[in-house]
Structure formats: structure tokens, C-alpha cells
């Protein structure tokens, strides 16, 4: 044999949906520098994710504000059309009464 060759295998540790590869070394603790690198990587990912969430929140707020404005406009327009329809229905009912009165008058004469 050519001396002891240590074959380092990697195992995956999942944090949320993120898989981190850490050395598998027979139950020994990973090297401190490796943990620091992982910690820094997690810090960067957290910062990136936080930034994306802030952008999404901003986009959500502006979209919600736009949709609320459009909803108010549509509600105002619906109110106008509803009032117009009520006036038309009222006029139609009045015309029907007048028409009926005229028909009765014609039949009486």
C-alpha cells in the first residue's frame, strides 16, 4: 500500500431547500475554516433572500395600491350606471302609467 489515503466524501445538510455540502470525516468535526465559509455563504444567501423579499414586498404594495385605485374607479362607474339604470326604470314606469291612462281614455271615448 502507498500510505494511508484518506478519501474525503461529502454529505449534504439541508437548510430549508438549500443543500450545503460538508465533509464527511468519520464523526470528527469539520474544520473551523469550512464552518466559517459555510457561515459566510449562509449570510450572503440570507442577505440576497432578504433583498429579494423586500423587492417583492415593494412590488406587492404598489400592485395592491394600483388595484385598489382601479377598484375604486370601477365602483364609482358602477354606481353611476346603477343610478342611470334606476332613472331609466323610473322613467319607463312613469311612461307605462301614462300610456295605460291614455289607452283607457281612448277606450272610454
C-alpha atoms as a PDB file:
ATOM      1  CA  UNK A   1       0.000   0.000   0.000  1.00  0.00           C
ATOM      2  CA  UNK A   2       1.119   3.518  -0.684  1.00  0.00           C
ATOM      3  CA  UNK A   3       0.434   5.015   2.698  1.00  0.00           C
ATOM      4  CA  UNK A   4      -2.901   5.908   4.029  1.00  0.00           C
ATOM      5  CA  UNK A   5      -5.025   7.705   1.548  1.00  0.00           C
ATOM      6  CA  UNK A   6      -7.947   9.381   3.132  1.00  0.00           C
ATOM      7  CA  UNK A   7     -10.778   9.663   0.758  1.00  0.00           C
ATOM      8  CA  UNK A   8     -12.971  12.502   1.837  1.00  0.00           C
ATOM      9  CA  UNK A   9     -16.621  12.065   0.976  1.00  0.00           C
ATOM     10  CA  UNK A  10     -19.177  14.776   1.174  1.00  0.00           C
ATOM     11  CA  UNK A  11     -22.595  14.657   2.748  1.00  0.00           C
ATOM     12  CA  UNK A  12     -25.422  17.086   2.205  1.00  0.00           C
ATOM     13  CA  UNK A  13     -27.031  19.029   5.005  1.00  0.00           C
ATOM     14  CA  UNK A  14     -30.344  20.672   4.132  1.00  0.00           C
ATOM     15  CA  UNK A  15     -31.319  24.043   5.482  1.00  0.00           C
ATOM     16  CA  UNK A  16     -34.725  24.840   4.111  1.00  0.00           C
ATOM     17  CA  UNK A  17     -34.465  23.998   0.411  1.00  0.00           C
ATOM     18  CA  UNK A  18     -30.742  24.731   0.317  1.00  0.00           C
ATOM     19  CA  UNK A  19     -28.299  21.860   0.360  1.00  0.00           C
ATOM     20  CA  UNK A  20     -24.881  22.501   1.847  1.00  0.00           C
ATOM     21  CA  UNK A  21     -22.070  20.068   1.238  1.00  0.00           C
ATOM     22  CA  UNK A  22     -19.939  19.344   4.276  1.00  0.00           C
ATOM     23  CA  UNK A  23     -17.071  16.922   4.573  1.00  0.00           C
ATOM     24  CA  UNK A  24     -17.838  13.512   5.942  1.00  0.00           C
ATOM     25  CA  UNK A  25     -14.894  12.632   8.134  1.00  0.00           C
ATOM     26  CA  UNK A  26     -15.789   9.767  10.348  1.00  0.00           C
ATOM     27  CA  UNK A  27     -17.612  11.668  13.062  1.00  0.00           C
ATOM     28  CA  UNK A  28     -14.917  14.308  13.527  1.00  0.00           C
ATOM     29  CA  UNK A  29     -15.912  17.959  13.479  1.00  0.00           C
ATOM     30  CA  UNK A  30     -15.418  19.775  10.183  1.00  0.00           C
ATOM     31  CA  UNK A  31     -12.544  22.191  10.040  1.00  0.00           C
ATOM     32  CA  UNK A  32     -13.207  25.586  11.553  1.00  0.00           C
ATOM     33  CA  UNK A  33     -12.441  27.406   8.292  1.00  0.00           C
ATOM     34  CA  UNK A  34     -15.015  25.262   6.495  1.00  0.00           C
ATOM     35  CA  UNK A  35     -17.634  26.233   9.062  1.00  0.00           C
ATOM     36  CA  UNK A  36     -16.713  29.889   8.693  1.00  0.00           C
ATOM     37  CA  UNK A  37     -17.035  29.597   4.907  1.00  0.00           C
ATOM     38  CA  UNK A  38     -20.431  27.978   5.282  1.00  0.00           C
ATOM     39  CA  UNK A  39     -21.476  30.645   7.755  1.00  0.00           C
ATOM     40  CA  UNK A  40     -20.408  33.404   5.344  1.00  0.00           C
ATOM     41  CA  UNK A  41     -22.175  31.640   2.465  1.00  0.00           C
ATOM     42  CA  UNK A  42     -25.362  31.412   4.540  1.00  0.00           C
ATOM     43  CA  UNK A  43     -25.022  35.076   5.482  1.00  0.00           C
ATOM     44  CA  UNK A  44     -24.735  36.038   1.799  1.00  0.00           C
ATOM     45  CA  UNK A  45     -27.712  33.882   0.864  1.00  0.00           C
ATOM     46  CA  UNK A  46     -29.759  35.373   3.684  1.00  0.00           C
ATOM     47  CA  UNK A  47     -28.851  38.886   2.570  1.00  0.00           C
ATOM     48  CA  UNK A  48     -29.770  38.070  -1.039  1.00  0.00           C
ATOM     49  CA  UNK A  49     -33.061  36.449   0.013  1.00  0.00           C
ATOM     50  CA  UNK A  50     -33.892  39.380   2.285  1.00  0.00           C
ATOM     51  CA  UNK A  51     -33.231  41.812  -0.557  1.00  0.00           C
ATOM     52  CA  UNK A  52     -35.445  39.796  -2.938  1.00  0.00           C
ATOM     53  CA  UNK A  53     -38.222  39.666  -0.322  1.00  0.00           C
ATOM     54  CA  UNK A  54     -38.016  43.437   0.140  1.00  0.00           C
ATOM     55  CA  UNK A  55     -38.300  43.926  -3.632  1.00  0.00           C
ATOM     56  CA  UNK A  56     -41.266  41.542  -3.801  1.00  0.00           C
ATOM     57  CA  UNK A  57     -42.930  43.337  -0.867  1.00  0.00           C
ATOM     58  CA  UNK A  58     -42.468  46.672  -2.619  1.00  0.00           C
ATOM     59  CA  UNK A  59     -43.874  45.282  -5.870  1.00  0.00           C
ATOM     60  CA  UNK A  60     -46.789  43.722  -3.982  1.00  0.00           C
ATOM     61  CA  UNK A  61     -47.569  47.024  -2.220  1.00  0.00           C
ATOM     62  CA  UNK A  62     -47.516  49.055  -5.433  1.00  0.00           C
ATOM     63  CA  UNK A  63     -49.641  46.451  -7.245  1.00  0.00           C
ATOM     64  CA  UNK A  64     -52.133  46.386  -4.368  1.00  0.00           C
ATOM     65  CA  UNK A  65     -52.317  50.189  -4.370  1.00  0.00           C
ATOM     66  CA  UNK A  66     -52.895  50.225  -8.143  1.00  0.00           C
ATOM     67  CA  UNK A  67     -55.602  47.558  -7.910  1.00  0.00           C
ATOM     68  CA  UNK A  68     -57.333  49.372  -5.029  1.00  0.00           C
ATOM     69  CA  UNK A  69     -57.372  52.561  -7.117  1.00  0.00           C
ATOM     70  CA  UNK A  70     -58.796  50.672 -10.112  1.00  0.00           C
ATOM     71  CA  UNK A  71     -61.387  49.021  -7.880  1.00  0.00           C
ATOM     72  CA  UNK A  72     -62.499  52.430  -6.543  1.00  0.00           C
ATOM     73  CA  UNK A  73     -62.785  53.755 -10.118  1.00  0.00           C
ATOM     74  CA  UNK A  74     -64.794  50.732 -11.197  1.00  0.00           C
ATOM     75  CA  UNK A  75     -67.032  51.054  -8.133  1.00  0.00           C
ATOM     76  CA  UNK A  76     -67.678  54.734  -8.909  1.00  0.00           C
ATOM     77  CA  UNK A  77     -68.506  53.875 -12.511  1.00  0.00           C
ATOM     78  CA  UNK A  78     -70.806  51.076 -11.387  1.00  0.00           C
ATOM     79  CA  UNK A  79     -72.565  53.499  -9.030  1.00  0.00           C
ATOM     80  CA  UNK A  80     -73.072  55.951 -11.933  1.00  0.00           C
ATOM     81  CA  UNK A  81     -74.525  53.224 -14.167  1.00  0.00           C
ATOM     82  CA  UNK A  82     -76.719  51.950 -11.343  1.00  0.00           C
ATOM     83  CA  UNK A  83     -78.127  55.451 -10.798  1.00  0.00           C
ATOM     84  CA  UNK A  84     -78.665  55.843 -14.534  1.00  0.00           C
ATOM     85  CA  UNK A  85     -80.480  52.486 -14.687  1.00  0.00           C
ATOM     86  CA  UNK A  86     -82.740  53.456 -11.762  1.00  0.00           C
ATOM     87  CA  UNK A  87     -83.650  56.740 -13.510  1.00  0.00           C
ATOM     88  CA  UNK A  88     -84.375  54.867 -16.755  1.00  0.00           C
ATOM     89  CA  UNK A  89     -86.512  52.307 -14.895  1.00  0.00           C
ATOM     90  CA  UNK A  90     -88.370  55.087 -13.120  1.00  0.00           C
ATOM     91  CA  UNK A  91     -88.982  56.928 -16.400  1.00  0.00           C
ATOM     92  CA  UNK A  92     -90.111  53.694 -18.041  1.00  0.00           C
ATOM     93  CA  UNK A  93     -92.597  53.028 -15.219  1.00  0.00           C
ATOM     94  CA  UNK A  94     -93.920  56.585 -15.484  1.00  0.00           C
ATOM     95  CA  UNK A  95     -94.305  56.224 -19.273  1.00  0.00           C
ATOM     96  CA  UNK A  96     -96.124  52.913 -18.820  1.00  0.00           C
ATOM     97  CA  UNK A  97     -98.613  54.567 -16.443  1.00  0.00           C
ATOM     98  CA  UNK A  98     -99.143  57.471 -18.865  1.00  0.00           C
ATOM     99  CA  UNK A  99     -99.565  55.036 -21.769  1.00  0.00           C
ATOM    100  CA  UNK A 100    -102.037  52.955 -19.805  1.00  0.00           C
ATOM    101  CA  UNK A 101    -104.017  56.076 -18.841  1.00  0.00           C
ATOM    102  CA  UNK A 102    -104.122  57.189 -22.500  1.00  0.00           C
ATOM    103  CA  UNK A 103    -105.266  53.738 -23.661  1.00  0.00           C
ATOM    104  CA  UNK A 104    -108.042  53.759 -21.073  1.00  0.00           C
ATOM    105  CA  UNK A 105    -109.074  57.234 -22.172  1.00  0.00           C
ATOM    106  CA  UNK A 106    -109.204  56.129 -25.841  1.00  0.00           C
ATOM    107  CA  UNK A 107    -111.345  53.091 -24.985  1.00  0.00           C
ATOM    108  CA  UNK A 108    -113.748  55.204 -22.962  1.00  0.00           C
ATOM    109  CA  UNK A 109    -114.380  57.744 -25.706  1.00  0.00           C
END
